[in-house]
Amino acid sequence: MKSRVTAQHVADKAGVSRSAVSRCFGDGLVSDDTRKRIEAAAEALGYRPNAIARSLTGRSTGLVALLLAEMENPHVDLVLKKLLLAIAEADKRALVIPETPRQDVTESTMHALDYQVDAIIVVGGTVSDRVVGQLRALDTPVFQFGRQLDGLGGVACDSHLGGLLGGQFLIRSGRRRIAYLTKASQTDSNQRRRAGLAAALDAAGLPLLEEHSDENSFEGGYNAATRLFARLERPDALFCFNDMFALGALQAAAAFRLRVPEDVAILGFDDIPMAAWPAFGLSSLRPNLDSQVARLMAMIAEVCDGAPPRRTVDLVVPELVIRRTAC
């Protein structure tokens, strides 16, 4: 196996000291002539600086850790794609660490510190108060994406406002038996969307119907909607926690021979690409991911420039996208 080209190899070929090579590829100063010789030697040898080794000297590694708590969700796939592109465009590299059955987000956060990353982004899931305290003590910038947990900065879609806007839209369209279709786990965004919907219904003097599923998936939405449609007085509108639940609800409506939106309106959340497919035409609330990603990258740039990490969450206003399932 070919041995790795080191800074010492470059120094020997360029006829300079090893420290000169380190300064050339780091934050130090070298003369123009020395820099040209070092760069020419590095190119000839195929040398690349070791970012992890540089971190041991306290320098920036250019690494941003992405901790993923949800893997079976098209919305998270889209978030990941947009974050990866944005991190690359910022001339940084992403270190993706997924949650596993043996390792939750809290443990993954601590493992990310082993790589001396410039910043950590938690996508989905939560981080315990204990770990937040440890991260603050280590002065490691940690951001949350899509959550509004106290003590950590980041960006999120305004889920409460989204629930409110969705509820008001369904009420204006003449719906009076509106159900919230959701996952059983009471995540931050889940609670906020439900609270927003409940506020809209309460203002209109309408009750909030509900059905949960342990599965955060198409099947979960299908099963939960099936239970709702089997009731003697079935709902005339479903506000779904996310688009996958909504697509499952569409399938359940077809199984019950219900017309959409005439018999039941179905509204999703996230506006994943499938929502716009002609076969579905799913009405949904769009979380404006581009705006969220841009704001988050601006926060990371701030801390890389020496600013203290933010402790508040920037909220992005969701956009109601009306298609055929709710109009």
C-alpha atoms as a PDB file:
ATOM      1  CA  MET A   1       0.000   0.000   0.000  1.00  0.00           C
ATOM      2  CA  LYS A   2       1.327   3.408  -0.958  1.00  0.00           C
ATOM      3  CA  SER A   3       2.301   5.482   2.084  1.00  0.00           C
ATOM      4  CA  ARG A   4       0.572   8.790   2.717  1.00  0.00           C
ATOM      5  CA  VAL A   5       2.389  11.912   1.564  1.00  0.00           C
ATOM      6  CA  THR A   6       3.211  14.021   4.608  1.00  0.00           C
ATOM      7  CA  ALA A   7       4.174  17.636   5.193  1.00  0.00           C
ATOM      8  CA  GLN A   8       7.750  16.454   5.746  1.00  0.00           C
ATOM      9  CA  HIS A   9       7.850  14.994   2.215  1.00  0.00           C
ATOM     10  CA  VAL A  10       6.718  18.337   0.818  1.00  0.00           C
ATOM     11  CA  ALA A  11       9.286  20.184   2.911  1.00  0.00           C
ATOM     12  CA  ASP A  12      12.103  17.932   1.671  1.00  0.00           C
ATOM     13  CA  LYS A  13      11.118  18.362  -1.980  1.00  0.00           C
ATOM     14  CA  ALA A  14      10.685  22.139  -1.658  1.00  0.00           C
ATOM     15  CA  GLY A  15      13.875  22.540   0.365  1.00  0.00           C
ATOM     16  CA  VAL A  16      12.148  24.261   3.276  1.00  0.00           C
ATOM     17  CA  SER A  17      11.379  23.439   6.887  1.00  0.00           C
ATOM     18  CA  ARG A  18       8.312  21.470   7.911  1.00  0.00           C
ATOM     19  CA  SER A  19       7.057  24.465   9.874  1.00  0.00           C
ATOM     20  CA  ALA A  20       7.118  26.518   6.655  1.00  0.00           C
ATOM     21  CA  VAL A  21       4.789  23.966   5.041  1.00  0.00           C
ATOM     22  CA  SER A  22       2.455  24.179   8.032  1.00  0.00           C
ATOM     23  CA  ARG A  23       2.436  27.971   7.859  1.00  0.00           C
ATOM     24  CA  CYS A  24       1.805  27.888   4.113  1.00  0.00           C
ATOM     25  CA  PHE A  25      -1.327  25.748   4.441  1.00  0.00           C
ATOM     26  CA  GLY A  26      -2.419  27.248   7.729  1.00  0.00           C
ATOM     27  CA  ASP A  27      -2.776  30.779   8.992  1.00  0.00           C
ATOM     28  CA  GLY A  28       0.945  31.626   9.098  1.00  0.00           C
ATOM     29  CA  LEU A  29       3.012  33.863   6.836  1.00  0.00           C
ATOM     30  CA  VAL A  30       5.601  32.778   4.294  1.00  0.00           C
ATOM     31  CA  SER A  31       7.259  34.669   1.481  1.00  0.00           C
ATOM     32  CA  ASP A  32       5.789  34.535  -2.017  1.00  0.00           C
ATOM     33  CA  ASP A  33       8.799  32.595  -3.293  1.00  0.00           C
ATOM     34  CA  THR A  34       8.560  30.014  -0.493  1.00  0.00           C
ATOM     35  CA  ARG A  35       4.817  29.644  -1.031  1.00  0.00           C
ATOM     36  CA  LYS A  36       5.283  28.959  -4.749  1.00  0.00           C
ATOM     37  CA  ARG A  37       7.934  26.317  -4.053  1.00  0.00           C
ATOM     38  CA  ILE A  38       5.786  24.618  -1.428  1.00  0.00           C
ATOM     39  CA  GLU A  39       2.651  24.639  -3.582  1.00  0.00           C
ATOM     40  CA  ALA A  40       4.578  23.254  -6.558  1.00  0.00           C
ATOM     41  CA  ALA A  41       6.032  20.458  -4.405  1.00  0.00           C
ATOM     42  CA  ALA A  42       2.614  19.684  -2.922  1.00  0.00           C
ATOM     43  CA  GLU A  43       1.046  19.449  -6.369  1.00  0.00           C
ATOM     44  CA  ALA A  44       3.810  17.199  -7.662  1.00  0.00           C
ATOM     45  CA  LEU A  45       3.482  14.855  -4.687  1.00  0.00           C
ATOM     46  CA  GLY A  46      -0.319  14.961  -4.481  1.00  0.00           C
ATOM     47  CA  TYR A  47      -0.231  16.332  -0.936  1.00  0.00           C
ATOM     48  CA  ARG A  48      -3.356  17.455   0.913  1.00  0.00           C
ATOM     49  CA  PRO A  49      -3.279  19.050   4.398  1.00  0.00           C
ATOM     50  CA  ASN A  50      -4.691  16.893   7.187  1.00  0.00           C
ATOM     51  CA  ALA A  51      -7.641  18.820   8.599  1.00  0.00           C
ATOM     52  CA  ILE A  52      -7.913  16.569  11.654  1.00  0.00           C
ATOM     53  CA  ALA A  53      -4.229  17.042  12.468  1.00  0.00           C
ATOM     54  CA  ARG A  54      -4.630  20.792  12.108  1.00  0.00           C
ATOM     55  CA  SER A  55      -7.393  20.689  14.731  1.00  0.00           C
ATOM     56  CA  LEU A  56      -4.880  19.468  17.311  1.00  0.00           C
ATOM     57  CA  THR A  57      -3.125  22.812  17.024  1.00  0.00           C
ATOM     58  CA  GLY A  58      -6.364  24.651  17.777  1.00  0.00           C
ATOM     59  CA  ARG A  59      -6.995  25.766  14.205  1.00  0.00           C
ATOM     60  CA  SER A  60     -10.297  25.519  12.370  1.00  0.00           C
ATOM     61  CA  THR A  61     -10.851  22.166  10.683  1.00  0.00           C
ATOM     62  CA  GLY A  62     -13.528  23.447   8.327  1.00  0.00           C
ATOM     63  CA  LEU A  63     -15.715  20.526   9.456  1.00  0.00           C
ATOM     64  CA  VAL A  64     -19.400  20.919  10.314  1.00  0.00           C
ATOM     65  CA  ALA A  65     -21.095  17.951  11.996  1.00  0.00           C
ATOM     66  CA  LEU A  66     -24.650  17.044  11.001  1.00  0.00           C
ATOM     67  CA  LEU A  67     -26.433  14.873  13.552  1.00  0.00           C
ATOM     68  CA  LEU A  68     -29.471  13.115  12.075  1.00  0.00           C
ATOM     69  CA  ALA A  69     -32.185  11.664  14.278  1.00  0.00           C
ATOM     70  CA  GLU A  70     -34.633  10.739  11.499  1.00  0.00           C
ATOM     71  CA  MET A  71     -33.561   8.753   8.454  1.00  0.00           C
ATOM     72  CA  GLU A  72     -36.873   7.491   6.983  1.00  0.00           C
ATOM     73  CA  ASN A  73     -38.348  10.839   6.026  1.00  0.00           C
ATOM     74  CA  PRO A  74     -38.221  12.552   2.591  1.00  0.00           C
ATOM     75  CA  HIS A  75     -38.310  15.945   4.302  1.00  0.00           C
ATOM     76  CA  VAL A  76     -35.126  15.135   6.245  1.00  0.00           C
ATOM     77  CA  ASP A  77     -33.543  13.902   3.002  1.00  0.00           C
ATOM     78  CA  LEU A  78     -34.254  17.288   1.430  1.00  0.00           C
ATOM     79  CA  VAL A  79     -32.928  19.148   4.466  1.00  0.00           C
ATOM     80  CA  LEU A  80     -29.750  17.069   4.382  1.00  0.00           C
ATOM     81  CA  LYS A  81     -29.220  17.726   0.661  1.00  0.00           C
ATOM     82  CA  LYS A  82     -29.637  21.487   1.060  1.00  0.00           C
ATOM     83  CA  LEU A  83     -27.342  21.603   4.106  1.00  0.00           C
ATOM     84  CA  LEU A  84     -24.632  19.546   2.386  1.00  0.00           C
ATOM     85  CA  LEU A  85     -24.643  21.878  -0.622  1.00  0.00           C
ATOM     86  CA  ALA A  86     -24.629  25.005   1.553  1.00  0.00           C
ATOM     87  CA  ILE A  87     -21.746  23.710   3.682  1.00  0.00           C
ATOM     88  CA  ALA A  88     -19.740  22.869   0.560  1.00  0.00           C
ATOM     89  CA  GLU A  89     -20.445  26.310  -0.928  1.00  0.00           C
ATOM     90  CA  ALA A  90     -19.119  27.834   2.299  1.00  0.00           C
ATOM     91  CA  ASP A  91     -15.836  25.985   1.603  1.00  0.00           C
ATOM     92  CA  LYS A  92     -16.407  23.625   4.523  1.00  0.00           C
ATOM     93  CA  ARG A  93     -16.974  19.883   4.743  1.00  0.00           C
ATOM     94  CA  ALA A  94     -19.841  18.022   6.364  1.00  0.00           C
ATOM     95  CA  LEU A  95     -19.386  15.199   8.848  1.00  0.00           C
ATOM     96  CA  VAL A  96     -22.676  13.249   8.870  1.00  0.00           C
ATOM     97  CA  ILE A  97     -23.410  11.272  12.039  1.00  0.00           C
ATOM     98  CA  PRO A  98     -26.754   9.412  12.050  1.00  0.00           C
ATOM     99  CA  GLU A  99     -28.617   8.276  15.120  1.00  0.00           C
ATOM    100  CA  THR A 100     -28.603   4.495  15.470  1.00  0.00           C
ATOM    101  CA  PRO A 101     -30.545   2.051  17.668  1.00  0.00           C
ATOM    102  CA  ARG A 102     -27.477   1.875  19.936  1.00  0.00           C
ATOM    103  CA  GLN A 103     -26.507   5.529  19.823  1.00  0.00           C
ATOM    104  CA  ASP A 104     -28.916   8.423  20.230  1.00  0.00           C
ATOM    105  CA  VAL A 105     -28.376  12.071  19.295  1.00  0.00           C
ATOM    106  CA  THR A 106     -26.952  12.904  22.716  1.00  0.00           C
ATOM    107  CA  GLU A 107     -24.162  10.332  22.337  1.00  0.00           C
ATOM    108  CA  SER A 108     -23.573  11.339  18.714  1.00  0.00           C
ATOM    109  CA  THR A 109     -23.095  14.940  19.802  1.00  0.00           C
ATOM    110  CA  MET A 110     -20.302  13.959  22.127  1.00  0.00           C
ATOM    111  CA  HIS A 111     -18.645  11.837  19.421  1.00  0.00           C
ATOM    112  CA  ALA A 112     -18.703  14.812  17.050  1.00  0.00           C
ATOM    113  CA  LEU A 113     -16.418  16.631  19.478  1.00  0.00           C
ATOM    114  CA  ASP A 114     -13.716  14.029  18.793  1.00  0.00           C
ATOM    115  CA  TYR A 115     -13.257  15.607  15.370  1.00  0.00           C
ATOM    116  CA  GLN A 116     -12.833  19.174  16.647  1.00  0.00           C
ATOM    117  CA  VAL A 117     -15.616  20.381  14.355  1.00  0.00           C
ATOM    118  CA  ASP A 118     -16.234  24.079  13.821  1.00  0.00           C
ATOM    119  CA  ALA A 119     -19.963  23.669  14.496  1.00  0.00           C
ATOM    120  CA  ILE A 120     -22.603  21.020  15.193  1.00  0.00           C
ATOM    121  CA  ILE A 121     -26.075  21.016  13.622  1.00  0.00           C
ATOM    122  CA  VAL A 122     -28.757  18.813  15.172  1.00  0.00           C
ATOM    123  CA  VAL A 123     -31.396  17.864  12.584  1.00  0.00           C
ATOM    124  CA  GLY A 124     -34.326  16.261  14.348  1.00  0.00           C
ATOM    125  CA  GLY A 125     -34.303  14.817  17.835  1.00  0.00           C
ATOM    126  CA  THR A 126     -33.271  16.593  20.992  1.00  0.00           C
ATOM    127  CA  VAL A 127     -30.122  17.170  22.994  1.00  0.00           C
ATOM    128  CA  SER A 128     -30.264  16.746  26.751  1.00  0.00           C
ATOM    129  CA  ASP A 129     -29.712  19.653  29.145  1.00  0.00           C
ATOM    130  CA  ARG A 130     -26.629  17.864  30.461  1.00  0.00           C
ATOM    131  CA  VAL A 131     -25.024  17.747  27.022  1.00  0.00           C
ATOM    132  CA  VAL A 132     -25.991  21.359  26.279  1.00  0.00           C
ATOM    133  CA  GLY A 133     -24.161  22.371  29.444  1.00  0.00           C
ATOM    134  CA  GLN A 134     -21.087  20.345  28.445  1.00  0.00           C
ATOM    135  CA  LEU A 135     -21.064  21.864  24.975  1.00  0.00           C
ATOM    136  CA  ARG A 136     -21.277  25.366  26.384  1.00  0.00           C
ATOM    137  CA  ALA A 137     -18.362  24.648  28.684  1.00  0.00           C
ATOM    138  CA  LEU A 138     -16.337  23.446  25.699  1.00  0.00           C
ATOM    139  CA  ASP A 139     -17.384  26.525  23.729  1.00  0.00           C
ATOM    140  CA  THR A 140     -18.489  24.334  20.828  1.00  0.00           C
ATOM    141  CA  PRO A 141     -21.140  26.052  18.693  1.00  0.00           C
ATOM    142  CA  VAL A 142     -24.255  23.863  18.492  1.00  0.00           C
ATOM    143  CA  PHE A 143     -27.265  24.747  16.370  1.00  0.00           C
ATOM    144  CA  GLN A 144     -30.662  23.137  16.019  1.00  0.00           C
ATOM    145  CA  PHE A 145     -32.508  22.858  12.726  1.00  0.00           C
ATOM    146  CA  GLY A 146     -36.284  22.603  12.822  1.00  0.00           C
ATOM    147  CA  ARG A 147     -36.622  22.758  16.624  1.00  0.00           C
ATOM    148  CA  GLN A 148     -37.166  25.538  19.178  1.00  0.00           C
ATOM    149  CA  LEU A 149     -35.472  24.148  22.282  1.00  0.00           C
ATOM    150  CA  ASP A 150     -34.339  26.550  24.985  1.00  0.00           C
ATOM    151  CA  GLY A 151     -30.627  27.239  25.291  1.00  0.00           C
ATOM    152  CA  LEU A 152     -29.538  26.479  21.723  1.00  0.00           C
ATOM    153  CA  GLY A 153     -29.497  28.785  18.728  1.00  0.00           C
ATOM    154  CA  GLY A 154     -30.670  27.781  15.290  1.00  0.00           C
ATOM    155  CA  VAL A 155     -33.477  28.100  12.778  1.00  0.00           C
ATOM    156  CA  ALA A 156     -36.923  26.578  12.454  1.00  0.00           C
ATOM    157  CA  CYS A 157     -40.161  26.915  10.612  1.00  0.00           C
ATOM    158  CA  ASP A 158     -42.720  28.624  12.850  1.00  0.00           C
ATOM    159  CA  SER A 159     -44.739  25.469  13.536  1.00  0.00           C
ATOM    160  CA  HIS A 160     -47.278  27.202  15.778  1.00  0.00           C
ATOM    161  CA  LEU A 161     -48.014  29.754  13.071  1.00  0.00           C
ATOM    162  CA  GLY A 162     -48.196  26.935  10.534  1.00  0.00           C
ATOM    163  CA  GLY A 163     -50.817  25.135  12.626  1.00  0.00           C
ATOM    164  CA  LEU A 164     -52.762  28.376  13.004  1.00  0.00           C
ATOM    165  CA  LEU A 165     -52.653  29.204   9.278  1.00  0.00           C
ATOM    166  CA  GLY A 166     -53.649  25.672   8.308  1.00  0.00           C
ATOM    167  CA  GLY A 167     -56.557  25.644  10.730  1.00  0.00           C
ATOM    168  CA  GLN A 168     -57.821  29.044   9.598  1.00  0.00           C
ATOM    169  CA  PHE A 169     -57.615  27.963   5.946  1.00  0.00           C
ATOM    170  CA  LEU A 170     -59.650  24.806   6.561  1.00  0.00           C
ATOM    171  CA  ILE A 171     -62.266  26.771   8.527  1.00  0.00           C
ATOM    172  CA  ARG A 172     -62.575  29.362   5.753  1.00  0.00           C
ATOM    173  CA  SER A 173     -63.143  26.535   3.266  1.00  0.00           C
ATOM    174  CA  GLY A 174     -66.211  25.491   5.258  1.00  0.00           C
ATOM    175  CA  ARG A 175     -64.806  22.565   7.266  1.00  0.00           C
ATOM    176  CA  ARG A 176     -66.264  22.027  10.714  1.00  0.00           C
ATOM    177  CA  ARG A 177     -65.008  18.596  11.843  1.00  0.00           C
ATOM    178  CA  ILE A 178     -61.259  19.029  11.624  1.00  0.00           C
ATOM    179  CA  ALA A 179     -58.889  16.353  12.909  1.00  0.00           C
ATOM    180  CA  TYR A 180     -55.187  16.511  13.655  1.00  0.00           C
ATOM    181  CA  LEU A 181     -53.390  13.444  12.323  1.00  0.00           C
ATOM    182  CA  THR A 182     -50.013  13.017  13.978  1.00  0.00           C
ATOM    183  CA  LYS A 183     -47.308  10.804  15.375  1.00  0.00           C
ATOM    184  CA  ALA A 184     -47.571   9.665  18.970  1.00  0.00           C
ATOM    185  CA  SER A 185     -44.233  11.109  20.079  1.00  0.00           C
ATOM    186  CA  GLN A 186     -44.673  14.628  21.414  1.00  0.00           C
ATOM    187  CA  THR A 187     -41.783  16.358  19.682  1.00  0.00           C
ATOM    188  CA  ASP A 188     -41.351  20.120  19.810  1.00  0.00           C
ATOM    189  CA  SER A 189     -42.692  20.745  16.303  1.00  0.00           C
ATOM    190  CA  ASN A 190     -45.582  18.328  16.862  1.00  0.00           C
ATOM    191  CA  GLN A 191     -46.740  20.129  19.994  1.00  0.00           C
ATOM    192  CA  ARG A 192     -46.454  23.549  18.377  1.00  0.00           C
ATOM    193  CA  ARG A 193     -48.400  22.590  15.231  1.00  0.00           C
ATOM    194  CA  ARG A 194     -51.147  21.070  17.334  1.00  0.00           C
ATOM    195  CA  ALA A 195     -51.299  24.168  19.563  1.00  0.00           C
ATOM    196  CA  GLY A 196     -51.595  26.457  16.539  1.00  0.00           C
ATOM    197  CA  LEU A 197     -54.402  24.363  15.057  1.00  0.00           C
ATOM    198  CA  ALA A 198     -56.172  24.203  18.430  1.00  0.00           C
ATOM    199  CA  ALA A 199     -56.005  28.004  18.718  1.00  0.00           C
ATOM    200  CA  ALA A 200     -57.646  28.438  15.299  1.00  0.00           C
ATOM    201  CA  LEU A 201     -60.403  25.953  16.106  1.00  0.00           C
ATOM    202  CA  ASP A 202     -61.012  27.430  19.556  1.00  0.00           C
ATOM    203  CA  ALA A 203     -61.412  30.920  18.071  1.00  0.00           C
ATOM    204  CA  ALA A 204     -64.048  29.508  15.710  1.00  0.00           C
ATOM    205  CA  GLY A 205     -65.810  27.568  18.482  1.00  0.00           C
ATOM    206  CA  LEU A 206     -64.932  24.212  16.919  1.00  0.00           C
ATOM    207  CA  PRO A 207     -63.660  21.046  18.646  1.00  0.00           C
ATOM    208  CA  LEU A 208     -60.297  19.475  17.872  1.00  0.00           C
ATOM    209  CA  LEU A 209     -60.471  15.846  16.777  1.00  0.00           C
ATOM    210  CA  GLU A 210     -57.278  13.796  16.979  1.00  0.00           C
ATOM    211  CA  GLU A 211     -55.719  10.509  15.989  1.00  0.00           C
ATOM    212  CA  HIS A 212     -52.152   9.314  16.594  1.00  0.00           C
ATOM    213  CA  SER A 213     -49.826   6.681  15.200  1.00  0.00           C
ATOM    214  CA  ASP A 214     -46.642   5.179  16.599  1.00  0.00           C
ATOM    215  CA  GLU A 215     -45.271   5.055  13.043  1.00  0.00           C
ATOM    216  CA  ASN A 216     -44.013   8.344  11.573  1.00  0.00           C
ATOM    217  CA  SER A 217     -44.566   7.140   8.017  1.00  0.00           C
ATOM    218  CA  PHE A 218     -46.983   6.608   5.133  1.00  0.00           C
ATOM    219  CA  GLU A 219     -48.274   3.489   6.888  1.00  0.00           C
ATOM    220  CA  GLY A 220     -48.751   5.455  10.095  1.00  0.00           C
ATOM    221  CA  GLY A 221     -50.852   8.048   8.306  1.00  0.00           C
ATOM    222  CA  TYR A 222     -52.868   5.379   6.540  1.00  0.00           C
ATOM    223  CA  ASN A 223     -53.644   3.488   9.760  1.00  0.00           C
ATOM    224  CA  ALA A 224     -54.522   6.606  11.745  1.00  0.00           C
ATOM    225  CA  ALA A 225     -56.777   7.959   8.976  1.00  0.00           C
ATOM    226  CA  THR A 226     -58.457   4.561   8.668  1.00  0.00           C
ATOM    227  CA  ARG A 227     -59.440   4.732  12.335  1.00  0.00           C
ATOM    228  CA  LEU A 228     -60.820   8.243  11.857  1.00  0.00           C
ATOM    229  CA  PHE A 229     -62.840   7.335   8.763  1.00  0.00           C
ATOM    230  CA  ALA A 230     -64.314   4.331  10.587  1.00  0.00           C
ATOM    231  CA  ARG A 231     -65.963   6.591  13.177  1.00  0.00           C
ATOM    232  CA  LEU A 232     -69.735   7.158  13.009  1.00  0.00           C
ATOM    233  CA  GLU A 233     -69.133  10.885  12.572  1.00  0.00           C
ATOM    234  CA  ARG A 234     -66.003  11.067  10.503  1.00  0.00           C
ATOM    235  CA  PRO A 235     -64.033  14.298  10.035  1.00  0.00           C
ATOM    236  CA  ASP A 236     -64.469  16.477   6.969  1.00  0.00           C
ATOM    237  CA  ALA A 237     -60.837  17.667   7.069  1.00  0.00           C
ATOM    238  CA  LEU A 238     -57.481  16.293   8.164  1.00  0.00           C
ATOM    239  CA  PHE A 239     -54.575  18.486   9.157  1.00  0.00           C
ATOM    240  CA  CYS A 240     -51.584  16.137   9.006  1.00  0.00           C
ATOM    241  CA  PHE A 241     -48.346  16.577  10.953  1.00  0.00           C
ATOM    242  CA  ASN A 242     -46.323  16.001   7.780  1.00  0.00           C
ATOM    243  CA  ASP A 243     -46.772  15.110   4.119  1.00  0.00           C
ATOM    244  CA  MET A 244     -46.044  11.409   4.589  1.00  0.00           C
ATOM    245  CA  PHE A 245     -48.985  11.178   6.991  1.00  0.00           C
ATOM    246  CA  ALA A 246     -51.081  13.114   4.477  1.00  0.00           C
ATOM    247  CA  LEU A 247     -50.191  10.763   1.615  1.00  0.00           C
ATOM    248  CA  GLY A 248     -51.135   7.805   3.803  1.00  0.00           C
ATOM    249  CA  ALA A 249     -54.429   9.554   4.592  1.00  0.00           C
ATOM    250  CA  LEU A 250     -55.077   9.988   0.860  1.00  0.00           C
ATOM    251  CA  GLN A 251     -54.717   6.234   0.412  1.00  0.00           C
ATOM    252  CA  ALA A 252     -57.099   5.604   3.312  1.00  0.00           C
ATOM    253  CA  ALA A 253     -59.657   7.996   1.797  1.00  0.00           C
ATOM    254  CA  ALA A 254     -59.501   6.044  -1.452  1.00  0.00           C
ATOM    255  CA  ALA A 255     -60.054   2.788   0.446  1.00  0.00           C
ATOM    256  CA  PHE A 256     -63.221   4.285   1.994  1.00  0.00           C
ATOM    257  CA  ARG A 257     -64.307   5.660  -1.403  1.00  0.00           C
ATOM    258  CA  LEU A 258     -64.223   9.201  -0.052  1.00  0.00           C
ATOM    259  CA  ARG A 259     -63.886  12.055  -2.511  1.00  0.00           C
ATOM    260  CA  VAL A 260     -61.009  14.451  -1.863  1.00  0.00           C
ATOM    261  CA  PRO A 261     -61.614  17.314  -1.212  1.00  0.00           C
ATOM    262  CA  GLU A 262     -65.422  17.078  -1.543  1.00  0.00           C
ATOM    263  CA  ASP A 263     -65.943  14.577   1.317  1.00  0.00           C
ATOM    264  CA  VAL A 264     -62.709  15.229   3.193  1.00  0.00           C
ATOM    265  CA  ALA A 265     -59.988  17.839   2.743  1.00  0.00           C
ATOM    266  CA  ILE A 266     -56.408  16.744   3.438  1.00  0.00           C
ATOM    267  CA  LEU A 267     -53.638  19.207   4.310  1.00  0.00           C
ATOM    268  CA  GLY A 268     -50.003  18.241   4.856  1.00  0.00           C
ATOM    269  CA  PHE A 269     -46.907  19.968   6.199  1.00  0.00           C
ATOM    270  CA  ASP A 270     -43.363  20.188   4.679  1.00  0.00           C
ATOM    271  CA  ASP A 271     -44.289  20.389   0.960  1.00  0.00           C
ATOM    272  CA  ILE A 272     -41.946  17.567  -0.034  1.00  0.00           C
ATOM    273  CA  PRO A 273     -41.401  17.170  -3.817  1.00  0.00           C
ATOM    274  CA  MET A 274     -43.951  14.317  -4.000  1.00  0.00           C
ATOM    275  CA  ALA A 275     -46.688  16.672  -2.782  1.00  0.00           C
ATOM    276  CA  ALA A 276     -46.631  18.468  -6.146  1.00  0.00           C
ATOM    277  CA  TRP A 277     -46.844  15.275  -8.217  1.00  0.00           C
ATOM    278  CA  PRO A 278     -50.049  15.308 -10.320  1.00  0.00           C
ATOM    279  CA  ALA A 279     -51.074  11.934  -8.890  1.00  0.00           C
ATOM    280  CA  PHE A 280     -51.335  13.522  -5.428  1.00  0.00           C
ATOM    281  CA  GLY A 281     -51.780  17.299  -5.757  1.00  0.00           C
ATOM    282  CA  LEU A 282     -51.323  17.568  -2.008  1.00  0.00           C
ATOM    283  CA  SER A 283     -52.011  20.914  -0.345  1.00  0.00           C
ATOM    284  CA  SER A 284     -49.302  21.588   2.204  1.00  0.00           C
ATOM    285  CA  LEU A 285     -47.477  24.144   4.298  1.00  0.00           C
ATOM    286  CA  ARG A 286     -44.047  24.917   2.884  1.00  0.00           C
ATOM    287  CA  PRO A 287     -41.361  25.541   5.556  1.00  0.00           C
ATOM    288  CA  ASN A 288     -39.147  27.624   3.216  1.00  0.00           C
ATOM    289  CA  LEU A 289     -36.023  25.505   3.663  1.00  0.00           C
ATOM    290  CA  ASP A 290     -33.829  27.758   1.519  1.00  0.00           C
ATOM    291  CA  SER A 291     -34.394  30.647   3.906  1.00  0.00           C
ATOM    292  CA  GLN A 292     -33.754  28.428   6.936  1.00  0.00           C
ATOM    293  CA  VAL A 293     -30.495  27.069   5.498  1.00  0.00           C
ATOM    294  CA  ALA A 294     -29.265  30.537   4.516  1.00  0.00           C
ATOM    295  CA  ARG A 295     -29.908  31.909   8.008  1.00  0.00           C
ATOM    296  CA  LEU A 296     -28.206  28.946   9.652  1.00  0.00           C
ATOM    297  CA  MET A 297     -25.090  29.247   7.484  1.00  0.00           C
ATOM    298  CA  ALA A 298     -24.912  32.957   8.356  1.00  0.00           C
ATOM    299  CA  MET A 299     -24.917  31.998  12.051  1.00  0.00           C
ATOM    300  CA  ILE A 300     -22.107  29.488  11.497  1.00  0.00           C
ATOM    301  CA  ALA A 301     -20.087  32.092   9.588  1.00  0.00           C
ATOM    302  CA  GLU A 302     -20.499  34.460  12.539  1.00  0.00           C
ATOM    303  CA  VAL A 303     -19.055  32.022  15.063  1.00  0.00           C
ATOM    304  CA  CYS A 304     -16.224  31.077  12.695  1.00  0.00           C
ATOM    305  CA  ASP A 305     -15.363  34.782  12.591  1.00  0.00           C
ATOM    306  CA  GLY A 306     -15.150  34.879  16.379  1.00  0.00           C
ATOM    307  CA  ALA A 307     -18.663  35.923  17.417  1.00  0.00           C
ATOM    308  CA  PRO A 308     -20.292  34.108  20.362  1.00  0.00           C
ATOM    309  CA  PRO A 309     -22.850  31.459  19.327  1.00  0.00           C
ATOM    310  CA  ARG A 310     -26.468  32.545  19.399  1.00  0.00           C
ATOM    311  CA  ARG A 311     -28.821  31.169  22.037  1.00  0.00           C
ATOM    312  CA  THR A 312     -32.070  32.005  20.223  1.00  0.00           C
ATOM    313  CA  VAL A 313     -33.914  30.463  17.278  1.00  0.00           C
ATOM    314  CA  ASP A 314     -34.768  32.390  14.115  1.00  0.00           C
ATOM    315  CA  LEU A 315     -38.297  31.528  13.000  1.00  0.00           C
ATOM    316  CA  VAL A 316     -39.228  31.351   9.321  1.00  0.00           C
ATOM    317  CA  VAL A 317     -42.833  31.941   8.283  1.00  0.00           C
ATOM    318  CA  PRO A 318     -44.378  28.934   6.467  1.00  0.00           C
ATOM    319  CA  GLU A 319     -46.204  29.354   3.170  1.00  0.00           C
ATOM    320  CA  LEU A 320     -49.586  27.787   2.423  1.00  0.00           C
ATOM    321  CA  VAL A 321     -49.450  25.929  -0.906  1.00  0.00           C
ATOM    322  CA  ILE A 322     -52.955  25.144  -2.173  1.00  0.00           C
ATOM    323  CA  ARG A 323     -53.428  22.205  -4.544  1.00  0.00           C
ATOM    324  CA  ARG A 324     -56.377  19.877  -5.167  1.00  0.00           C
ATOM    325  CA  THR A 325     -56.628  17.985  -1.811  1.00  0.00           C
ATOM    326  CA  ALA A 326     -57.699  21.074   0.134  1.00  0.00           C
ATOM    327  CA  CYS A 327     -58.993  24.169  -1.560  1.00  0.00           C
END
